[in-house]
């Protein structure tokens, strides 16, 4: 609607409302002056509600489009507003309508919106000029790449640490190409068997060691704790085997610490096992003992921060990671330090 047309509409509504208001005033004065005809209350109420209905219809035409719906509820509230404000109810509502038209409220819902999560476009990986390992892994998960190229990438990543490639290799066990499945299974099986063979040999040596050889038994229990935890660290175990491996690592670390309570590395292993089991309080105690026994604090800070996060102590997380500053040399930690330090 153009402004001139709107002005004419407002002027017409004003005249209409003024006329209805004048008629209400005349009717009310006439009724009140005839005191000999009884109590005028019900007559005045009838005039107020009848005039309010007419005023509501006039005001509804002036409302912005967004305020006119639902029509029934809009007319109901306008009728009540015009009826319960004696005589000048229509004028008050009209002033509100004009204000709403000239100074509309902001819709805060339009400020924010949901967007879809960004998708990784694997076919563009060939344009990346850095991060060779990332390029190889992206080529592997892209089933549109030629099978020979994927096999070449799979052979190339076998030289990378199983810690980083373990999840990818496990996903490739369900790959549609049989050769990819076989190579992935072989890589995982080889890495797991290598550690399991060392565990078997160390366990045999422990069984053959005399009970009174405390130092030797401490060394063997320490090696077993490290080997079991290595299976977890390298992402080589899952499910029930994962839980069993954590229990074995913690058991051997506990036995070794009974022989030598000053082994800081074993206290750290116990702390990391506790973190894997979501035991934040125990993890904090164990890692604190590792620090008290000389383990470098800057290497313990990420684990202390994780324990604080699990306890919900977010200010403590910010304090711990902020203390690293520029000493956080590992690239994986730098984004975390930036996030919690700002």
C-alpha atoms as a PDB file:
ATOM      1  CA  UNK A   1       0.000   0.000   0.000  1.00  0.00           C
ATOM      2  CA  UNK A   2       1.304   3.454  -0.934  1.00  0.00           C
ATOM      3  CA  UNK A   3       1.676   6.126   1.706  1.00  0.00           C
ATOM      4  CA  UNK A   4      -1.153   8.376   0.328  1.00  0.00           C
ATOM      5  CA  UNK A   5      -3.542   5.427   0.342  1.00  0.00           C
ATOM      6  CA  UNK A   6      -2.454   4.539   3.834  1.00  0.00           C
ATOM      7  CA  UNK A   7      -3.013   8.123   4.973  1.00  0.00           C
ATOM      8  CA  UNK A   8      -6.545   8.039   3.520  1.00  0.00           C
ATOM      9  CA  UNK A   9      -7.191   4.747   5.290  1.00  0.00           C
ATOM     10  CA  UNK A  10      -5.976   6.173   8.577  1.00  0.00           C
ATOM     11  CA  UNK A  11      -8.060   9.312   8.119  1.00  0.00           C
ATOM     12  CA  UNK A  12     -11.179   7.248   7.369  1.00  0.00           C
ATOM     13  CA  UNK A  13     -10.550   5.062  10.372  1.00  0.00           C
ATOM     14  CA  UNK A  14     -10.066   8.119  12.538  1.00  0.00           C
ATOM     15  CA  UNK A  15     -13.362   9.576  11.368  1.00  0.00           C
ATOM     16  CA  UNK A  16     -15.091   6.264  11.911  1.00  0.00           C
ATOM     17  CA  UNK A  17     -13.611   5.818  15.361  1.00  0.00           C
ATOM     18  CA  UNK A  18     -14.418   9.418  16.249  1.00  0.00           C
ATOM     19  CA  UNK A  19     -18.012   8.892  15.132  1.00  0.00           C
ATOM     20  CA  UNK A  20     -18.376   5.665  17.121  1.00  0.00           C
ATOM     21  CA  UNK A  21     -16.767   7.308  20.155  1.00  0.00           C
ATOM     22  CA  UNK A  22     -19.111  10.321  19.872  1.00  0.00           C
ATOM     23  CA  UNK A  23     -22.157   8.065  19.599  1.00  0.00           C
ATOM     24  CA  UNK A  24     -20.982   6.061  22.617  1.00  0.00           C
ATOM     25  CA  UNK A  25     -20.471   9.277  24.589  1.00  0.00           C
ATOM     26  CA  UNK A  26     -23.903  10.632  23.674  1.00  0.00           C
ATOM     27  CA  UNK A  27     -25.568   7.310  24.481  1.00  0.00           C
ATOM     28  CA  UNK A  28     -23.809   6.970  27.819  1.00  0.00           C
ATOM     29  CA  UNK A  29     -24.617  10.566  28.819  1.00  0.00           C
ATOM     30  CA  UNK A  30     -28.259  10.052  27.888  1.00  0.00           C
ATOM     31  CA  UNK A  31     -28.515   6.873  29.912  1.00  0.00           C
ATOM     32  CA  UNK A  32     -26.752   8.298  32.931  1.00  0.00           C
ATOM     33  CA  UNK A  33     -29.004  11.389  32.966  1.00  0.00           C
ATOM     34  CA  UNK A  34     -32.123   9.178  33.073  1.00  0.00           C
ATOM     35  CA  UNK A  35     -31.552   8.011  36.602  1.00  0.00           C
ATOM     36  CA  UNK A  36     -35.290   7.493  37.055  1.00  0.00           C
ATOM     37  CA  UNK A  37     -35.134   4.473  34.716  1.00  0.00           C
ATOM     38  CA  UNK A  38     -33.051   2.346  37.092  1.00  0.00           C
ATOM     39  CA  UNK A  39     -29.427   1.235  37.289  1.00  0.00           C
ATOM     40  CA  UNK A  40     -27.633   2.258  34.026  1.00  0.00           C
ATOM     41  CA  UNK A  41     -24.726  -0.211  34.487  1.00  0.00           C
ATOM     42  CA  UNK A  42     -25.873  -2.927  32.094  1.00  0.00           C
ATOM     43  CA  UNK A  43     -26.864  -0.386  29.432  1.00  0.00           C
ATOM     44  CA  UNK A  44     -23.446   1.280  29.616  1.00  0.00           C
ATOM     45  CA  UNK A  45     -21.715  -2.112  29.387  1.00  0.00           C
ATOM     46  CA  UNK A  46     -23.797  -3.038  26.347  1.00  0.00           C
ATOM     47  CA  UNK A  47     -22.900   0.246  24.637  1.00  0.00           C
ATOM     48  CA  UNK A  48     -19.171  -0.252  25.459  1.00  0.00           C
ATOM     49  CA  UNK A  49     -19.060  -3.783  24.084  1.00  0.00           C
ATOM     50  CA  UNK A  50     -21.190  -2.976  21.047  1.00  0.00           C
ATOM     51  CA  UNK A  51     -19.098   0.063  20.162  1.00  0.00           C
ATOM     52  CA  UNK A  52     -15.925  -1.970  20.866  1.00  0.00           C
ATOM     53  CA  UNK A  53     -16.951  -4.511  18.221  1.00  0.00           C
ATOM     54  CA  UNK A  54     -17.311  -1.775  15.580  1.00  0.00           C
ATOM     55  CA  UNK A  55     -14.030  -0.184  16.601  1.00  0.00           C
ATOM     56  CA  UNK A  56     -12.287  -3.583  16.447  1.00  0.00           C
ATOM     57  CA  UNK A  57     -13.364  -4.052  12.835  1.00  0.00           C
ATOM     58  CA  UNK A  58     -12.065  -0.593  11.916  1.00  0.00           C
ATOM     59  CA  UNK A  59      -8.743  -1.108  13.706  1.00  0.00           C
ATOM     60  CA  UNK A  60      -8.242  -4.571  12.198  1.00  0.00           C
ATOM     61  CA  UNK A  61      -8.089  -3.033   8.729  1.00  0.00           C
ATOM     62  CA  UNK A  62      -5.198  -0.806   9.861  1.00  0.00           C
ATOM     63  CA  UNK A  63      -3.087  -3.556  11.348  1.00  0.00           C
ATOM     64  CA  UNK A  64       0.128  -4.603   9.532  1.00  0.00           C
ATOM     65  CA  UNK A  65      -0.376  -7.817   7.581  1.00  0.00           C
ATOM     66  CA  UNK A  66       1.687  -9.835  10.065  1.00  0.00           C
ATOM     67  CA  UNK A  67      -0.651  -8.812  12.898  1.00  0.00           C
ATOM     68  CA  UNK A  68      -3.960  -9.629  11.209  1.00  0.00           C
ATOM     69  CA  UNK A  69      -3.643 -13.400  11.484  1.00  0.00           C
ATOM     70  CA  UNK A  70      -5.141 -15.469  12.912  1.00  0.00           C
ATOM     71  CA  UNK A  71      -8.140 -13.325  12.122  1.00  0.00           C
ATOM     72  CA  UNK A  72     -10.408 -14.642  14.881  1.00  0.00           C
ATOM     73  CA  UNK A  73      -7.908 -14.124  17.692  1.00  0.00           C
ATOM     74  CA  UNK A  74      -6.861 -10.710  16.339  1.00  0.00           C
ATOM     75  CA  UNK A  75     -10.469  -9.474  16.304  1.00  0.00           C
ATOM     76  CA  UNK A  76     -11.088 -10.922  19.766  1.00  0.00           C
ATOM     77  CA  UNK A  77      -8.147  -9.108  21.354  1.00  0.00           C
ATOM     78  CA  UNK A  78      -8.981  -5.857  19.543  1.00  0.00           C
ATOM     79  CA  UNK A  79     -12.598  -6.100  20.720  1.00  0.00           C
ATOM     80  CA  UNK A  80     -11.520  -6.642  24.322  1.00  0.00           C
ATOM     81  CA  UNK A  81      -9.014  -3.756  24.155  1.00  0.00           C
ATOM     82  CA  UNK A  82     -11.583  -1.380  22.656  1.00  0.00           C
ATOM     83  CA  UNK A  83     -14.306  -2.453  25.084  1.00  0.00           C
ATOM     84  CA  UNK A  84     -12.419  -2.386  28.366  1.00  0.00           C
ATOM     85  CA  UNK A  85     -10.877   1.069  27.808  1.00  0.00           C
ATOM     86  CA  UNK A  86     -13.861   3.343  28.418  1.00  0.00           C
ATOM     87  CA  UNK A  87     -14.957   5.364  25.345  1.00  0.00           C
ATOM     88  CA  UNK A  88     -11.429   6.025  23.985  1.00  0.00           C
ATOM     89  CA  UNK A  89     -10.422   2.384  23.557  1.00  0.00           C
ATOM     90  CA  UNK A  90     -10.540   2.596  19.761  1.00  0.00           C
ATOM     91  CA  UNK A  91      -8.315   5.676  19.731  1.00  0.00           C
ATOM     92  CA  UNK A  92      -5.728   3.956  21.928  1.00  0.00           C
ATOM     93  CA  UNK A  93      -5.671   0.877  19.689  1.00  0.00           C
ATOM     94  CA  UNK A  94      -5.465   3.055  16.571  1.00  0.00           C
ATOM     95  CA  UNK A  95      -2.450   4.899  17.967  1.00  0.00           C
ATOM     96  CA  UNK A  96      -0.827   1.508  18.628  1.00  0.00           C
ATOM     97  CA  UNK A  97      -1.544   0.378  15.067  1.00  0.00           C
ATOM     98  CA  UNK A  98       0.044   3.519  13.590  1.00  0.00           C
ATOM     99  CA  UNK A  99       3.087   3.090  15.835  1.00  0.00           C
ATOM    100  CA  UNK A 100       3.460  -0.551  14.812  1.00  0.00           C
ATOM    101  CA  UNK A 101       3.226   0.369  11.129  1.00  0.00           C
ATOM    102  CA  UNK A 102       5.856   3.092  11.283  1.00  0.00           C
ATOM    103  CA  UNK A 103       8.186   1.436  13.795  1.00  0.00           C
ATOM    104  CA  UNK A 104       7.902  -2.332  13.228  1.00  0.00           C
ATOM    105  CA  UNK A 105       9.634  -4.601  15.728  1.00  0.00           C
ATOM    106  CA  UNK A 106      12.689  -6.595  14.733  1.00  0.00           C
ATOM    107  CA  UNK A 107      12.284 -10.291  14.108  1.00  0.00           C
ATOM    108  CA  UNK A 108      15.212 -11.777  15.990  1.00  0.00           C
ATOM    109  CA  UNK A 109      14.563 -15.194  14.464  1.00  0.00           C
ATOM    110  CA  UNK A 110      15.877 -13.919  11.125  1.00  0.00           C
ATOM    111  CA  UNK A 111      19.282 -13.164  12.612  1.00  0.00           C
ATOM    112  CA  UNK A 112      20.190 -16.816  12.964  1.00  0.00           C
ATOM    113  CA  UNK A 113      19.614 -19.824  10.800  1.00  0.00           C
ATOM    114  CA  UNK A 114      20.561 -23.439  10.468  1.00  0.00           C
ATOM    115  CA  UNK A 115      23.090 -24.349   7.832  1.00  0.00           C
ATOM    116  CA  UNK A 116      24.161 -27.762   6.707  1.00  0.00           C
ATOM    117  CA  UNK A 117      27.464 -29.147   7.942  1.00  0.00           C
ATOM    118  CA  UNK A 118      30.223 -28.684   5.354  1.00  0.00           C
ATOM    119  CA  UNK A 119      31.038 -31.766   3.350  1.00  0.00           C
ATOM    120  CA  UNK A 120      34.568 -32.874   2.542  1.00  0.00           C
ATOM    121  CA  UNK A 121      34.994 -32.930  -1.222  1.00  0.00           C
ATOM    122  CA  UNK A 122      37.462 -35.723  -1.737  1.00  0.00           C
ATOM    123  CA  UNK A 123      37.854 -35.288  -5.499  1.00  0.00           C
ATOM    124  CA  UNK A 124      39.509 -31.876  -4.928  1.00  0.00           C
ATOM    125  CA  UNK A 125      42.305 -33.389  -2.844  1.00  0.00           C
ATOM    126  CA  UNK A 126      44.594 -33.509  -5.877  1.00  0.00           C
ATOM    127  CA  UNK A 127      44.717 -29.696  -5.828  1.00  0.00           C
ATOM    128  CA  UNK A 128      46.141 -29.582  -2.310  1.00  0.00           C
ATOM    129  CA  UNK A 129      49.852 -28.836  -2.328  1.00  0.00           C
ATOM    130  CA  UNK A 130      50.580 -29.808   1.311  1.00  0.00           C
ATOM    131  CA  UNK A 131      49.737 -32.585   3.745  1.00  0.00           C
ATOM    132  CA  UNK A 132      50.750 -35.678   1.812  1.00  0.00           C
ATOM    133  CA  UNK A 133      49.354 -38.043   4.458  1.00  0.00           C
ATOM    134  CA  UNK A 134      45.971 -36.338   4.327  1.00  0.00           C
ATOM    135  CA  UNK A 135      45.939 -36.612   0.534  1.00  0.00           C
ATOM    136  CA  UNK A 136      46.650 -40.323   0.687  1.00  0.00           C
ATOM    137  CA  UNK A 137      43.900 -40.949   3.226  1.00  0.00           C
ATOM    138  CA  UNK A 138      41.416 -38.869   1.226  1.00  0.00           C
ATOM    139  CA  UNK A 139      42.231 -40.881  -1.882  1.00  0.00           C
ATOM    140  CA  UNK A 140      41.609 -44.091   0.026  1.00  0.00           C
ATOM    141  CA  UNK A 141      38.130 -43.180   1.263  1.00  0.00           C
ATOM    142  CA  UNK A 142      37.062 -41.906  -2.179  1.00  0.00           C
ATOM    143  CA  UNK A 143      35.545 -44.920  -3.925  1.00  0.00           C
ATOM    144  CA  UNK A 144      35.397 -42.965  -7.219  1.00  0.00           C
ATOM    145  CA  UNK A 145      39.184 -43.083  -7.506  1.00  0.00           C
ATOM    146  CA  UNK A 146      40.626 -45.883  -9.630  1.00  0.00           C
ATOM    147  CA  UNK A 147      41.251 -49.101  -7.718  1.00  0.00           C
ATOM    148  CA  UNK A 148      44.943 -49.115  -8.626  1.00  0.00           C
ATOM    149  CA  UNK A 149      45.427 -45.606  -7.230  1.00  0.00           C
ATOM    150  CA  UNK A 150      43.659 -46.574  -4.008  1.00  0.00           C
ATOM    151  CA  UNK A 151      45.828 -49.658  -3.615  1.00  0.00           C
ATOM    152  CA  UNK A 152      48.959 -47.568  -4.157  1.00  0.00           C
ATOM    153  CA  UNK A 153      47.804 -45.109  -1.492  1.00  0.00           C
ATOM    154  CA  UNK A 154      47.029 -47.980   0.896  1.00  0.00           C
ATOM    155  CA  UNK A 155      50.510 -49.418   0.467  1.00  0.00           C
ATOM    156  CA  UNK A 156      52.015 -45.951   1.015  1.00  0.00           C
ATOM    157  CA  UNK A 157      50.222 -45.293   4.321  1.00  0.00           C
ATOM    158  CA  UNK A 158      51.489 -48.531   5.834  1.00  0.00           C
ATOM    159  CA  UNK A 159      54.698 -46.670   6.649  1.00  0.00           C
ATOM    160  CA  UNK A 160      52.683 -44.193   8.754  1.00  0.00           C
ATOM    161  CA  UNK A 161      52.081 -44.775  12.489  1.00  0.00           C
ATOM    162  CA  UNK A 162      49.183 -47.115  13.211  1.00  0.00           C
ATOM    163  CA  UNK A 163      48.040 -44.573  15.780  1.00  0.00           C
ATOM    164  CA  UNK A 164      46.902 -42.280  12.928  1.00  0.00           C
ATOM    165  CA  UNK A 165      45.946 -44.885  10.322  1.00  0.00           C
ATOM    166  CA  UNK A 166      44.233 -47.446  12.588  1.00  0.00           C
ATOM    167  CA  UNK A 167      40.685 -46.026  12.348  1.00  0.00           C
ATOM    168  CA  UNK A 168      41.016 -45.644   8.569  1.00  0.00           C
ATOM    169  CA  UNK A 169      42.298 -49.193   8.127  1.00  0.00           C
ATOM    170  CA  UNK A 170      39.449 -50.519  10.243  1.00  0.00           C
ATOM    171  CA  UNK A 171      36.913 -48.681   8.072  1.00  0.00           C
ATOM    172  CA  UNK A 172      38.513 -50.205   4.973  1.00  0.00           C
ATOM    173  CA  UNK A 173      37.697 -53.698   6.238  1.00  0.00           C
ATOM    174  CA  UNK A 174      34.219 -53.146   4.734  1.00  0.00           C
ATOM    175  CA  UNK A 175      35.526 -51.742   1.433  1.00  0.00           C
ATOM    176  CA  UNK A 176      33.870 -53.088  -1.757  1.00  0.00           C
ATOM    177  CA  UNK A 177      37.280 -53.929  -3.268  1.00  0.00           C
ATOM    178  CA  UNK A 178      38.609 -57.233  -1.956  1.00  0.00           C
ATOM    179  CA  UNK A 179      42.289 -56.331  -2.355  1.00  0.00           C
ATOM    180  CA  UNK A 180      41.775 -53.193  -0.251  1.00  0.00           C
ATOM    181  CA  UNK A 181      40.087 -55.263   2.462  1.00  0.00           C
ATOM    182  CA  UNK A 182      42.892 -57.822   2.488  1.00  0.00           C
ATOM    183  CA  UNK A 183      45.704 -55.262   2.678  1.00  0.00           C
ATOM    184  CA  UNK A 184      43.931 -53.305   5.418  1.00  0.00           C
ATOM    185  CA  UNK A 185      43.320 -56.473   7.427  1.00  0.00           C
ATOM    186  CA  UNK A 186      46.935 -57.541   6.951  1.00  0.00           C
ATOM    187  CA  UNK A 187      48.259 -54.187   8.162  1.00  0.00           C
ATOM    188  CA  UNK A 188      46.095 -54.226  11.280  1.00  0.00           C
ATOM    189  CA  UNK A 189      46.806 -57.876  12.002  1.00  0.00           C
ATOM    190  CA  UNK A 190      50.536 -57.404  11.592  1.00  0.00           C
ATOM    191  CA  UNK A 191      50.648 -54.423  13.942  1.00  0.00           C
ATOM    192  CA  UNK A 192      48.546 -56.222  16.559  1.00  0.00           C
ATOM    193  CA  UNK A 193      50.495 -59.483  16.310  1.00  0.00           C
ATOM    194  CA  UNK A 194      53.785 -57.673  16.742  1.00  0.00           C
ATOM    195  CA  UNK A 195      52.656 -56.254  20.091  1.00  0.00           C
ATOM    196  CA  UNK A 196      50.914 -59.475  21.147  1.00  0.00           C
ATOM    197  CA  UNK A 197      54.086 -61.490  20.510  1.00  0.00           C
ATOM    198  CA  UNK A 198      56.012 -59.132  22.770  1.00  0.00           C
ATOM    199  CA  UNK A 199      53.309 -59.466  25.426  1.00  0.00           C
ATOM    200  CA  UNK A 200      53.504 -63.260  25.173  1.00  0.00           C
ATOM    201  CA  UNK A 201      57.286 -63.316  25.523  1.00  0.00           C
ATOM    202  CA  UNK A 202      57.229 -60.858  28.429  1.00  0.00           C
ATOM    203  CA  UNK A 203      54.497 -62.865  30.204  1.00  0.00           C
ATOM    204  CA  UNK A 204      56.551 -66.044  29.851  1.00  0.00           C
ATOM    205  CA  UNK A 205      59.589 -64.277  31.267  1.00  0.00           C
ATOM    206  CA  UNK A 206      57.481 -63.049  34.193  1.00  0.00           C
ATOM    207  CA  UNK A 207      56.290 -66.589  34.972  1.00  0.00           C
ATOM    208  CA  UNK A 208      59.877 -67.833  35.038  1.00  0.00           C
ATOM    209  CA  UNK A 209      61.110 -65.049  37.311  1.00  0.00           C
ATOM    210  CA  UNK A 210      61.547 -65.803  40.999  1.00  0.00           C
ATOM    211  CA  UNK A 211      59.060 -64.195  43.379  1.00  0.00           C
ATOM    212  CA  UNK A 212      61.858 -62.552  45.390  1.00  0.00           C
ATOM    213  CA  UNK A 213      63.403 -60.834  42.308  1.00  0.00           C
ATOM    214  CA  UNK A 214      61.521 -57.635  42.914  1.00  0.00           C
ATOM    215  CA  UNK A 215      63.475 -55.400  40.567  1.00  0.00           C
ATOM    216  CA  UNK A 216      63.231 -57.806  37.656  1.00  0.00           C
ATOM    217  CA  UNK A 217      59.521 -58.404  38.245  1.00  0.00           C
ATOM    218  CA  UNK A 218      58.947 -54.658  38.449  1.00  0.00           C
ATOM    219  CA  UNK A 219      60.597 -54.235  35.033  1.00  0.00           C
ATOM    220  CA  UNK A 220      58.498 -57.006  33.468  1.00  0.00           C
ATOM    221  CA  UNK A 221      55.211 -55.718  34.910  1.00  0.00           C
ATOM    222  CA  UNK A 222      56.164 -52.263  33.696  1.00  0.00           C
ATOM    223  CA  UNK A 223      56.782 -53.596  30.171  1.00  0.00           C
ATOM    224  CA  UNK A 224      53.455 -55.432  30.175  1.00  0.00           C
ATOM    225  CA  UNK A 225      51.600 -52.309  31.274  1.00  0.00           C
ATOM    226  CA  UNK A 226      53.242 -50.338  28.471  1.00  0.00           C
ATOM    227  CA  UNK A 227      52.538 -53.036  25.867  1.00  0.00           C
ATOM    228  CA  UNK A 228      48.879 -53.415  26.802  1.00  0.00           C
ATOM    229  CA  UNK A 229      48.443 -49.671  26.751  1.00  0.00           C
ATOM    230  CA  UNK A 230      50.202 -49.563  23.369  1.00  0.00           C
ATOM    231  CA  UNK A 231      47.384 -51.687  21.928  1.00  0.00           C
ATOM    232  CA  UNK A 232      44.934 -49.017  23.058  1.00  0.00           C
ATOM    233  CA  UNK A 233      47.151 -46.150  21.932  1.00  0.00           C
ATOM    234  CA  UNK A 234      47.565 -47.635  18.446  1.00  0.00           C
ATOM    235  CA  UNK A 235      43.761 -48.100  18.042  1.00  0.00           C
ATOM    236  CA  UNK A 236      44.204 -51.837  17.577  1.00  0.00           C
ATOM    237  CA  UNK A 237      41.472 -53.039  19.960  1.00  0.00           C
ATOM    238  CA  UNK A 238      37.768 -52.362  20.227  1.00  0.00           C
ATOM    239  CA  UNK A 239      34.722 -53.292  22.270  1.00  0.00           C
ATOM    240  CA  UNK A 240      35.162 -55.897  25.006  1.00  0.00           C
ATOM    241  CA  UNK A 241      38.796 -56.457  24.010  1.00  0.00           C
ATOM    242  CA  UNK A 242      39.408 -52.736  24.487  1.00  0.00           C
ATOM    243  CA  UNK A 243      38.049 -52.865  28.057  1.00  0.00           C
ATOM    244  CA  UNK A 244      40.024 -56.012  28.839  1.00  0.00           C
ATOM    245  CA  UNK A 245      43.206 -54.414  27.517  1.00  0.00           C
ATOM    246  CA  UNK A 246      42.681 -51.343  29.714  1.00  0.00           C
ATOM    247  CA  UNK A 247      42.161 -53.586  32.750  1.00  0.00           C
ATOM    248  CA  UNK A 248      45.371 -55.491  32.029  1.00  0.00           C
ATOM    249  CA  UNK A 249      47.379 -52.303  31.567  1.00  0.00           C
ATOM    250  CA  UNK A 250      46.085 -50.908  34.863  1.00  0.00           C
ATOM    251  CA  UNK A 251      46.636 -54.226  36.689  1.00  0.00           C
ATOM    252  CA  UNK A 252      50.264 -54.586  35.647  1.00  0.00           C
ATOM    253  CA  UNK A 253      50.941 -50.888  36.344  1.00  0.00           C
ATOM    254  CA  UNK A 254      49.463 -51.273  39.841  1.00  0.00           C
ATOM    255  CA  UNK A 255      51.589 -54.351  40.598  1.00  0.00           C
ATOM    256  CA  UNK A 256      54.725 -52.616  39.308  1.00  0.00           C
ATOM    257  CA  UNK A 257      54.031 -49.555  41.462  1.00  0.00           C
ATOM    258  CA  UNK A 258      53.716 -51.763  44.530  1.00  0.00           C
ATOM    259  CA  UNK A 259      57.375 -52.653  43.962  1.00  0.00           C
ATOM    260  CA  UNK A 260      58.471 -49.096  43.063  1.00  0.00           C
ATOM    261  CA  UNK A 261      56.134 -46.248  43.892  1.00  0.00           C
ATOM    262  CA  UNK A 262      58.440 -43.643  42.295  1.00  0.00           C
ATOM    263  CA  UNK A 263      57.889 -44.677  38.662  1.00  0.00           C
ATOM    264  CA  UNK A 264      56.298 -41.533  37.188  1.00  0.00           C
ATOM    265  CA  UNK A 265      55.625 -43.102  33.770  1.00  0.00           C
ATOM    266  CA  UNK A 266      53.487 -45.832  35.329  1.00  0.00           C
ATOM    267  CA  UNK A 267      51.435 -43.268  37.238  1.00  0.00           C
ATOM    268  CA  UNK A 268      50.813 -41.528  33.910  1.00  0.00           C
ATOM    269  CA  UNK A 269      49.684 -44.812  32.349  1.00  0.00           C
ATOM    270  CA  UNK A 270      47.249 -45.314  35.225  1.00  0.00           C
ATOM    271  CA  UNK A 271      46.012 -41.770  34.750  1.00  0.00           C
ATOM    272  CA  UNK A 272      45.417 -42.245  31.030  1.00  0.00           C
ATOM    273  CA  UNK A 273      43.635 -45.541  31.637  1.00  0.00           C
ATOM    274  CA  UNK A 274      41.388 -43.751  34.145  1.00  0.00           C
ATOM    275  CA  UNK A 275      40.666 -41.060  31.547  1.00  0.00           C
ATOM    276  CA  UNK A 276      39.734 -43.745  29.019  1.00  0.00           C
ATOM    277  CA  UNK A 277      37.276 -45.094  31.612  1.00  0.00           C
ATOM    278  CA  UNK A 278      35.879 -41.569  32.320  1.00  0.00           C
ATOM    279  CA  UNK A 279      37.218 -41.673  35.887  1.00  0.00           C
ATOM    280  CA  UNK A 280      38.207 -38.021  36.122  1.00  0.00           C
ATOM    281  CA  UNK A 281      38.916 -37.905  39.869  1.00  0.00           C
ATOM    282  CA  UNK A 282      41.217 -40.944  39.801  1.00  0.00           C
ATOM    283  CA  UNK A 283      42.929 -39.659  36.650  1.00  0.00           C
ATOM    284  CA  UNK A 284      43.689 -36.334  38.319  1.00  0.00           C
ATOM    285  CA  UNK A 285      45.237 -38.086  41.334  1.00  0.00           C
ATOM    286  CA  UNK A 286      47.390 -40.436  39.264  1.00  0.00           C
ATOM    287  CA  UNK A 287      48.648 -37.711  36.915  1.00  0.00           C
ATOM    288  CA  UNK A 288      49.366 -35.502  39.931  1.00  0.00           C
ATOM    289  CA  UNK A 289      51.505 -38.291  41.379  1.00  0.00           C
ATOM    290  CA  UNK A 290      53.374 -38.551  38.077  1.00  0.00           C
ATOM    291  CA  UNK A 291      54.123 -34.832  38.248  1.00  0.00           C
ATOM    292  CA  UNK A 292      55.219 -35.092  41.879  1.00  0.00           C
ATOM    293  CA  UNK A 293      57.690 -37.795  40.864  1.00  0.00           C
ATOM    294  CA  UNK A 294      59.408 -35.669  38.244  1.00  0.00           C
ATOM    295  CA  UNK A 295      57.425 -36.144  35.050  1.00  0.00           C
ATOM    296  CA  UNK A 296      57.682 -32.926  32.942  1.00  0.00           C
ATOM    297  CA  UNK A 297      54.636 -30.785  33.668  1.00  0.00           C
ATOM    298  CA  UNK A 298      54.244 -29.439  30.122  1.00  0.00           C
ATOM    299  CA  UNK A 299      53.699 -33.007  28.907  1.00  0.00           C
ATOM    300  CA  UNK A 300      51.088 -33.634  31.613  1.00  0.00           C
ATOM    301  CA  UNK A 301      49.055 -30.479  31.039  1.00  0.00           C
ATOM    302  CA  UNK A 302      46.849 -31.927  28.217  1.00  0.00           C
ATOM    303  CA  UNK A 303      45.878 -34.899  30.411  1.00  0.00           C
ATOM    304  CA  UNK A 304      45.253 -32.679  33.440  1.00  0.00           C
ATOM    305  CA  UNK A 305      43.085 -30.447  31.243  1.00  0.00           C
ATOM    306  CA  UNK A 306      41.107 -33.463  29.999  1.00  0.00           C
ATOM    307  CA  UNK A 307      40.492 -34.593  33.578  1.00  0.00           C
ATOM    308  CA  UNK A 308      39.325 -31.086  34.507  1.00  0.00           C
ATOM    309  CA  UNK A 309      37.008 -31.048  31.479  1.00  0.00           C
ATOM    310  CA  UNK A 310      35.415 -34.348  32.503  1.00  0.00           C
ATOM    311  CA  UNK A 311      34.833 -32.870  35.978  1.00  0.00           C
ATOM    312  CA  UNK A 312      33.167 -29.810  34.426  1.00  0.00           C
ATOM    313  CA  UNK A 313      35.873 -27.411  35.653  1.00  0.00           C
ATOM    314  CA  UNK A 314      36.071 -25.383  32.446  1.00  0.00           C
ATOM    315  CA  UNK A 315      37.883 -22.421  33.996  1.00  0.00           C
ATOM    316  CA  UNK A 316      40.580 -24.865  35.114  1.00  0.00           C
ATOM    317  CA  UNK A 317      40.842 -26.211  31.551  1.00  0.00           C
ATOM    318  CA  UNK A 318      41.406 -22.681  30.251  1.00  0.00           C
ATOM    319  CA  UNK A 319      43.998 -22.013  32.943  1.00  0.00           C
ATOM    320  CA  UNK A 320      45.931 -25.225  32.241  1.00  0.00           C
ATOM    321  CA  UNK A 321      45.992 -24.929  28.448  1.00  0.00           C
ATOM    322  CA  UNK A 322      46.724 -21.216  28.685  1.00  0.00           C
ATOM    323  CA  UNK A 323      49.819 -22.025  30.727  1.00  0.00           C
ATOM    324  CA  UNK A 324      51.304 -23.863  27.739  1.00  0.00           C
ATOM    325  CA  UNK A 325      51.609 -20.703  25.651  1.00  0.00           C
ATOM    326  CA  UNK A 326      53.955 -21.160  22.731  1.00  0.00           C
ATOM    327  CA  UNK A 327      55.507 -24.268  24.255  1.00  0.00           C
ATOM    328  CA  UNK A 328      52.708 -26.424  22.788  1.00  0.00           C
ATOM    329  CA  UNK A 329      54.869 -27.672  19.934  1.00  0.00           C
ATOM    330  CA  UNK A 330      52.499 -30.434  18.818  1.00  0.00           C
ATOM    331  CA  UNK A 331      50.323 -29.132  15.967  1.00  0.00           C
ATOM    332  CA  UNK A 332      47.334 -31.097  17.263  1.00  0.00           C
ATOM    333  CA  UNK A 333      47.389 -29.087  20.493  1.00  0.00           C
ATOM    334  CA  UNK A 334      47.684 -25.609  19.007  1.00  0.00           C
ATOM    335  CA  UNK A 335      43.980 -25.229  18.050  1.00  0.00           C
ATOM    336  CA  UNK A 336      42.961 -26.386  21.536  1.00  0.00           C
ATOM    337  CA  UNK A 337      45.306 -23.926  23.207  1.00  0.00           C
ATOM    338  CA  UNK A 338      44.006 -21.069  21.020  1.00  0.00           C
ATOM    339  CA  UNK A 339      40.369 -21.986  21.723  1.00  0.00           C
ATOM    340  CA  UNK A 340      40.702 -22.245  25.500  1.00  0.00           C
ATOM    341  CA  UNK A 341      43.075 -19.302  25.846  1.00  0.00           C
ATOM    342  CA  UNK A 342      40.814 -16.696  24.200  1.00  0.00           C
END
